[in-house]
Amino acid sequence: MPSSPTVWIVLIITAAIVVGLMVWKGVGGTFAKGKWRFTLHDAPKPAPNVTVADGLHMEGGKVGNITGVKSTDAADAPVASEVDVANKASFSHTDVGDITGVDISGGSRREREK
């Protein structure tokens, strides 16, 4: 261990700069020395937005289901921060199926494995 206070000051400033850059860039890391432990986690990535049929105008015809996110199991469903389905859409003389933001169908995994 260095006994000079100048060495300690340089080490502390260097460590502060490294940690500051890691926090700023969102990079994780773990520093441990004996009983002391300092951990940074990766910055979480924002969930994507899902937009389907935004501003759709349809006159006459037939449309099946309009769904933003579809999954057969809630545990496997993709994560989205916003699901926007048929925003400002207009349908006239049109046969439209279900309009859903999130459709989780097919029962539980246990039921499907029977």
N, C-alpha and C. Protein backbone atom coordinates (compact mmCIF):
# COMPACT_ATOMS: atom_id res chain seq x y z
N MET A 1 0.84 -1.17 0.00
CA MET A 1 0.00 0.00 0.00
C MET A 1 0.88 1.24 0.00
N PRO A 2 0.57 2.18 -0.87
CA PRO A 2 1.37 3.41 -0.90
C PRO A 2 1.14 4.23 0.36
N SER A 3 2.19 4.82 0.85
CA SER A 3 2.07 5.62 2.07
C SER A 3 2.02 7.11 1.76
N SER A 4 2.34 7.51 0.56
CA SER A 4 2.35 8.92 0.19
C SER A 4 0.92 9.41 -0.06
N PRO A 5 0.54 10.54 0.55
CA PRO A 5 -0.81 11.07 0.32
C PRO A 5 -1.03 11.48 -1.14
N THR A 6 0.01 11.86 -1.83
CA THR A 6 -0.14 12.26 -3.23
C THR A 6 -0.60 11.08 -4.09
N VAL A 7 -0.04 9.91 -3.83
CA VAL A 7 -0.44 8.71 -4.58
C VAL A 7 -1.90 8.39 -4.32
N TRP A 8 -2.33 8.49 -3.05
CA TRP A 8 -3.72 8.22 -2.72
C TRP A 8 -4.66 9.22 -3.41
N ILE A 9 -4.28 10.46 -3.43
CA ILE A 9 -5.11 11.49 -4.07
C ILE A 9 -5.25 11.19 -5.57
N VAL A 10 -4.15 10.83 -6.22
CA VAL A 10 -4.19 10.50 -7.65
C VAL A 10 -5.07 9.27 -7.89
N LEU A 11 -4.94 8.25 -7.03
CA LEU A 11 -5.77 7.04 -7.17
C LEU A 11 -7.25 7.35 -6.99
N ILE A 12 -7.59 8.16 -6.01
CA ILE A 12 -8.99 8.51 -5.75
C ILE A 12 -9.57 9.32 -6.90
N ILE A 13 -8.81 10.29 -7.41
CA ILE A 13 -9.28 11.09 -8.54
C ILE A 13 -9.46 10.23 -9.78
N THR A 14 -8.51 9.33 -10.03
CA THR A 14 -8.62 8.43 -11.19
C THR A 14 -9.84 7.54 -11.07
N ALA A 15 -10.05 6.97 -9.88
CA ALA A 15 -11.22 6.11 -9.66
C ALA A 15 -12.51 6.91 -9.84
N ALA A 16 -12.56 8.14 -9.36
CA ALA A 16 -13.75 8.98 -9.50
C ALA A 16 -14.03 9.28 -10.97
N ILE A 17 -12.98 9.53 -11.75
CA ILE A 17 -13.17 9.79 -13.18
C ILE A 17 -13.69 8.55 -13.89
N VAL A 18 -13.12 7.39 -13.58
CA VAL A 18 -13.56 6.13 -14.21
C VAL A 18 -15.01 5.85 -13.86
N VAL A 19 -15.39 5.96 -12.59
CA VAL A 19 -16.76 5.70 -12.17
C VAL A 19 -17.71 6.72 -12.80
N GLY A 20 -17.30 7.98 -12.84
CA GLY A 20 -18.13 9.01 -13.47
C GLY A 20 -18.38 8.72 -14.93
N LEU A 21 -17.35 8.30 -15.67
CA LEU A 21 -17.53 7.94 -17.07
C LEU A 21 -18.43 6.72 -17.24
N MET A 22 -18.29 5.74 -16.34
CA MET A 22 -19.14 4.55 -16.42
C MET A 22 -20.60 4.90 -16.19
N VAL A 23 -20.87 5.76 -15.22
CA VAL A 23 -22.25 6.17 -14.95
C VAL A 23 -22.79 6.97 -16.13
N TRP A 24 -21.98 7.86 -16.66
CA TRP A 24 -22.41 8.71 -17.78
C TRP A 24 -22.72 7.87 -19.02
N LYS A 25 -21.90 6.86 -19.31
CA LYS A 25 -22.09 6.01 -20.48
C LYS A 25 -23.06 4.86 -20.22
N GLY A 26 -23.44 4.63 -18.99
CA GLY A 26 -24.37 3.56 -18.67
C GLY A 26 -23.76 2.17 -18.73
N VAL A 27 -22.49 2.07 -18.42
CA VAL A 27 -21.78 0.80 -18.46
C VAL A 27 -21.67 0.26 -17.03
N GLY A 28 -21.86 -1.05 -16.86
CA GLY A 28 -21.79 -1.63 -15.53
C GLY A 28 -20.39 -2.09 -15.18
N GLY A 29 -20.18 -2.30 -13.91
CA GLY A 29 -18.89 -2.79 -13.45
C GLY A 29 -18.93 -3.06 -11.97
N THR A 30 -17.99 -3.87 -11.47
CA THR A 30 -17.91 -4.20 -10.06
C THR A 30 -16.48 -3.96 -9.60
N PHE A 31 -16.36 -3.24 -8.51
CA PHE A 31 -15.05 -2.99 -7.90
C PHE A 31 -15.11 -3.55 -6.49
N ALA A 32 -14.15 -4.39 -6.14
CA ALA A 32 -14.15 -4.98 -4.81
C ALA A 32 -12.74 -4.95 -4.24
N LYS A 33 -12.66 -4.61 -2.98
CA LYS A 33 -11.38 -4.64 -2.25
C LYS A 33 -11.70 -5.05 -0.83
N GLY A 34 -11.38 -6.28 -0.49
CA GLY A 34 -11.66 -6.78 0.85
C GLY A 34 -13.16 -6.80 1.11
N LYS A 35 -13.59 -6.14 2.19
CA LYS A 35 -15.02 -6.11 2.52
C LYS A 35 -15.76 -5.01 1.77
N TRP A 36 -15.07 -4.16 1.03
CA TRP A 36 -15.70 -3.07 0.30
C TRP A 36 -16.08 -3.54 -1.10
N ARG A 37 -17.27 -3.26 -1.51
CA ARG A 37 -17.74 -3.65 -2.84
C ARG A 37 -18.58 -2.52 -3.42
N PHE A 38 -18.27 -2.16 -4.66
CA PHE A 38 -19.01 -1.12 -5.37
C PHE A 38 -19.44 -1.70 -6.71
N THR A 39 -20.74 -1.68 -6.99
CA THR A 39 -21.26 -2.28 -8.20
C THR A 39 -22.12 -1.27 -8.96
N LEU A 40 -21.90 -1.20 -10.26
CA LEU A 40 -22.75 -0.42 -11.17
C LEU A 40 -23.42 -1.40 -12.12
N HIS A 41 -24.69 -1.19 -12.39
CA HIS A 41 -25.41 -2.06 -13.32
C HIS A 41 -25.57 -1.35 -14.65
N ASP A 42 -25.74 -2.14 -15.70
CA ASP A 42 -25.99 -1.58 -17.02
C ASP A 42 -27.26 -0.75 -16.98
N ALA A 43 -27.26 0.33 -17.73
CA ALA A 43 -28.46 1.15 -17.82
C ALA A 43 -29.52 0.36 -18.59
N PRO A 44 -30.75 0.32 -18.08
CA PRO A 44 -31.78 -0.43 -18.78
C PRO A 44 -32.11 0.22 -20.12
N LYS A 45 -32.30 -0.62 -21.11
CA LYS A 45 -32.67 -0.10 -22.42
C LYS A 45 -34.17 0.17 -22.43
N PRO A 46 -34.57 1.29 -22.98
CA PRO A 46 -36.00 1.59 -23.00
C PRO A 46 -36.75 0.60 -23.89
N ALA A 47 -37.94 0.26 -23.45
CA ALA A 47 -38.76 -0.65 -24.24
C ALA A 47 -39.25 0.07 -25.50
N PRO A 48 -39.37 -0.66 -26.57
CA PRO A 48 -39.82 -0.02 -27.82
C PRO A 48 -41.30 0.33 -27.78
N ASN A 49 -41.67 1.31 -28.56
CA ASN A 49 -43.08 1.63 -28.76
C ASN A 49 -43.59 0.81 -29.93
N VAL A 50 -44.83 0.35 -29.84
CA VAL A 50 -45.45 -0.41 -30.92
C VAL A 50 -46.62 0.41 -31.44
N THR A 51 -46.60 0.72 -32.74
CA THR A 51 -47.67 1.47 -33.37
C THR A 51 -48.16 0.67 -34.57
N VAL A 52 -49.49 0.44 -34.62
CA VAL A 52 -50.08 -0.35 -35.70
C VAL A 52 -51.30 0.41 -36.22
N ALA A 53 -51.40 0.51 -37.52
CA ALA A 53 -52.55 1.10 -38.22
C ALA A 53 -52.81 2.54 -37.77
N ASP A 54 -51.76 3.29 -37.61
CA ASP A 54 -51.89 4.70 -37.20
C ASP A 54 -52.45 5.52 -38.36
N GLY A 55 -53.59 6.15 -38.14
CA GLY A 55 -54.19 7.00 -39.16
C GLY A 55 -54.78 6.23 -40.34
N LEU A 56 -55.08 4.96 -40.16
CA LEU A 56 -55.63 4.14 -41.24
C LEU A 56 -57.04 4.61 -41.59
N HIS A 57 -57.30 4.79 -42.87
CA HIS A 57 -58.64 5.14 -43.36
C HIS A 57 -59.04 4.04 -44.35
N MET A 58 -60.15 3.37 -44.03
CA MET A 58 -60.57 2.26 -44.88
C MET A 58 -62.06 2.38 -45.13
N GLU A 59 -62.43 2.22 -46.38
CA GLU A 59 -63.85 2.28 -46.75
C GLU A 59 -64.18 1.05 -47.57
N GLY A 60 -65.06 0.26 -47.05
CA GLY A 60 -65.45 -0.97 -47.73
C GLY A 60 -64.34 -2.01 -47.64
N GLY A 61 -64.71 -3.23 -47.43
CA GLY A 61 -63.71 -4.29 -47.37
C GLY A 61 -63.82 -5.08 -46.08
N LYS A 62 -62.85 -5.91 -45.89
CA LYS A 62 -62.84 -6.78 -44.71
C LYS A 62 -61.42 -6.81 -44.14
N VAL A 63 -61.32 -6.61 -42.84
CA VAL A 63 -60.03 -6.62 -42.15
C VAL A 63 -60.13 -7.63 -41.03
N GLY A 64 -59.09 -8.41 -40.86
CA GLY A 64 -59.06 -9.36 -39.75
C GLY A 64 -58.79 -8.61 -38.44
N ASN A 65 -58.17 -9.28 -37.52
CA ASN A 65 -57.83 -8.66 -36.24
C ASN A 65 -56.68 -7.67 -36.42
N ILE A 66 -56.76 -6.56 -35.72
CA ILE A 66 -55.67 -5.58 -35.69
C ILE A 66 -55.11 -5.62 -34.29
N THR A 67 -53.87 -6.09 -34.16
CA THR A 67 -53.28 -6.33 -32.85
C THR A 67 -51.88 -5.72 -32.79
N GLY A 68 -51.59 -5.02 -31.69
CA GLY A 68 -50.27 -4.44 -31.51
C GLY A 68 -49.22 -5.47 -31.14
N VAL A 69 -49.47 -6.25 -30.10
CA VAL A 69 -48.55 -7.28 -29.63
C VAL A 69 -49.35 -8.56 -29.43
N LYS A 70 -48.88 -9.65 -30.03
CA LYS A 70 -49.58 -10.93 -29.89
C LYS A 70 -48.62 -11.98 -29.37
N SER A 71 -49.07 -12.75 -28.40
CA SER A 71 -48.26 -13.81 -27.82
C SER A 71 -49.18 -14.92 -27.35
N THR A 72 -48.63 -16.12 -27.26
CA THR A 72 -49.42 -17.24 -26.76
C THR A 72 -49.20 -17.48 -25.27
N ASP A 73 -48.26 -16.75 -24.68
CA ASP A 73 -47.96 -16.93 -23.26
C ASP A 73 -47.55 -15.57 -22.69
N ALA A 74 -48.13 -15.21 -21.57
CA ALA A 74 -47.81 -13.91 -20.96
C ALA A 74 -46.34 -13.81 -20.60
N ALA A 75 -45.73 -14.93 -20.23
CA ALA A 75 -44.31 -14.89 -19.85
C ALA A 75 -43.41 -14.64 -21.05
N ASP A 76 -43.86 -15.04 -22.24
CA ASP A 76 -43.06 -14.87 -23.46
C ASP A 76 -43.41 -13.60 -24.23
N ALA A 77 -44.39 -12.85 -23.76
CA ALA A 77 -44.85 -11.67 -24.49
C ALA A 77 -43.75 -10.61 -24.50
N PRO A 78 -43.50 -9.99 -25.65
CA PRO A 78 -42.50 -8.94 -25.70
C PRO A 78 -42.95 -7.73 -24.90
N VAL A 79 -41.99 -7.03 -24.36
CA VAL A 79 -42.29 -5.85 -23.54
C VAL A 79 -42.29 -4.63 -24.44
N ALA A 80 -43.29 -3.80 -24.31
CA ALA A 80 -43.37 -2.55 -25.05
C ALA A 80 -43.78 -1.45 -24.08
N SER A 81 -43.16 -0.27 -24.21
CA SER A 81 -43.51 0.81 -23.29
C SER A 81 -44.86 1.40 -23.65
N GLU A 82 -45.19 1.47 -24.92
CA GLU A 82 -46.50 1.95 -25.36
C GLU A 82 -46.97 1.09 -26.51
N VAL A 83 -48.24 0.75 -26.49
CA VAL A 83 -48.85 0.03 -27.60
C VAL A 83 -49.98 0.91 -28.11
N ASP A 84 -49.87 1.34 -29.34
CA ASP A 84 -50.84 2.25 -29.95
C ASP A 84 -51.43 1.57 -31.17
N VAL A 85 -52.71 1.24 -31.11
CA VAL A 85 -53.36 0.51 -32.19
C VAL A 85 -54.52 1.33 -32.74
N ALA A 86 -54.51 1.53 -34.05
CA ALA A 86 -55.59 2.19 -34.77
C ALA A 86 -55.86 3.60 -34.22
N ASN A 87 -54.81 4.33 -33.91
CA ASN A 87 -54.97 5.72 -33.47
C ASN A 87 -55.42 6.56 -34.66
N LYS A 88 -56.47 7.30 -34.48
CA LYS A 88 -57.04 8.18 -35.52
C LYS A 88 -57.42 7.39 -36.78
N ALA A 89 -57.77 6.14 -36.61
CA ALA A 89 -58.20 5.32 -37.74
C ALA A 89 -59.69 5.50 -37.96
N SER A 90 -60.11 5.35 -39.20
CA SER A 90 -61.54 5.43 -39.49
C SER A 90 -61.91 4.30 -40.43
N PHE A 91 -63.04 3.67 -40.15
CA PHE A 91 -63.53 2.56 -40.95
C PHE A 91 -64.99 2.87 -41.30
N SER A 92 -65.32 2.78 -42.57
CA SER A 92 -66.72 2.93 -42.94
C SER A 92 -67.08 1.80 -43.90
N HIS A 93 -68.22 1.19 -43.64
CA HIS A 93 -68.69 0.07 -44.44
C HIS A 93 -67.62 -1.02 -44.53
N THR A 94 -66.95 -1.26 -43.40
CA THR A 94 -65.85 -2.21 -43.35
C THR A 94 -66.10 -3.23 -42.25
N ASP A 95 -65.87 -4.48 -42.55
CA ASP A 95 -65.99 -5.54 -41.56
C ASP A 95 -64.62 -5.70 -40.89
N VAL A 96 -64.55 -5.36 -39.59
CA VAL A 96 -63.28 -5.38 -38.87
C VAL A 96 -63.36 -6.42 -37.75
N GLY A 97 -62.30 -7.20 -37.60
CA GLY A 97 -62.23 -8.16 -36.49
C GLY A 97 -61.94 -7.42 -35.19
N ASP A 98 -61.29 -8.07 -34.26
CA ASP A 98 -60.96 -7.46 -32.97
C ASP A 98 -59.84 -6.44 -33.14
N ILE A 99 -59.95 -5.35 -32.43
CA ILE A 99 -58.86 -4.36 -32.36
C ILE A 99 -58.35 -4.40 -30.93
N THR A 100 -57.13 -4.93 -30.76
CA THR A 100 -56.57 -5.11 -29.42
C THR A 100 -55.15 -4.58 -29.37
N GLY A 101 -54.78 -4.04 -28.22
CA GLY A 101 -53.40 -3.58 -28.02
C GLY A 101 -52.48 -4.76 -27.77
N VAL A 102 -52.87 -5.61 -26.82
CA VAL A 102 -52.07 -6.79 -26.47
C VAL A 102 -53.01 -7.99 -26.47
N ASP A 103 -52.65 -9.02 -27.21
CA ASP A 103 -53.46 -10.23 -27.29
C ASP A 103 -52.61 -11.41 -26.81
N ILE A 104 -52.98 -11.94 -25.66
CA ILE A 104 -52.29 -13.12 -25.13
C ILE A 104 -53.32 -14.24 -25.15
N SER A 105 -53.15 -15.15 -26.09
CA SER A 105 -54.13 -16.22 -26.26
C SER A 105 -53.43 -17.56 -26.29
N GLY A 106 -54.21 -18.58 -26.17
CA GLY A 106 -53.65 -19.93 -26.24
C GLY A 106 -53.56 -20.60 -24.90
N GLY A 107 -54.02 -19.96 -23.83
CA GLY A 107 -53.99 -20.59 -22.52
C GLY A 107 -52.59 -20.58 -21.92
N SER A 108 -52.48 -21.25 -20.81
CA SER A 108 -51.19 -21.31 -20.13
C SER A 108 -50.27 -22.31 -20.80
N ARG A 109 -49.01 -22.23 -20.51
CA ARG A 109 -48.02 -23.15 -21.08
C ARG A 109 -48.36 -24.58 -20.67
N ARG A 110 -48.82 -24.76 -19.43
CA ARG A 110 -49.17 -26.10 -18.95
C ARG A 110 -50.33 -26.68 -19.77
N GLU A 111 -51.34 -25.85 -20.08
CA GLU A 111 -52.47 -26.32 -20.87
C GLU A 111 -52.04 -26.69 -22.29
N ARG A 112 -51.11 -25.92 -22.89
CA ARG A 112 -50.67 -26.21 -24.26
C ARG A 112 -49.82 -27.47 -24.33
N GLU A 113 -49.13 -27.83 -23.23
CA GLU A 113 -48.25 -29.00 -23.23
C GLU A 113 -49.00 -30.30 -23.00
N LYS A 114 -50.28 -30.23 -22.65
CA LYS A 114 -51.06 -31.45 -22.40
C LYS A 114 -51.30 -32.20 -23.67
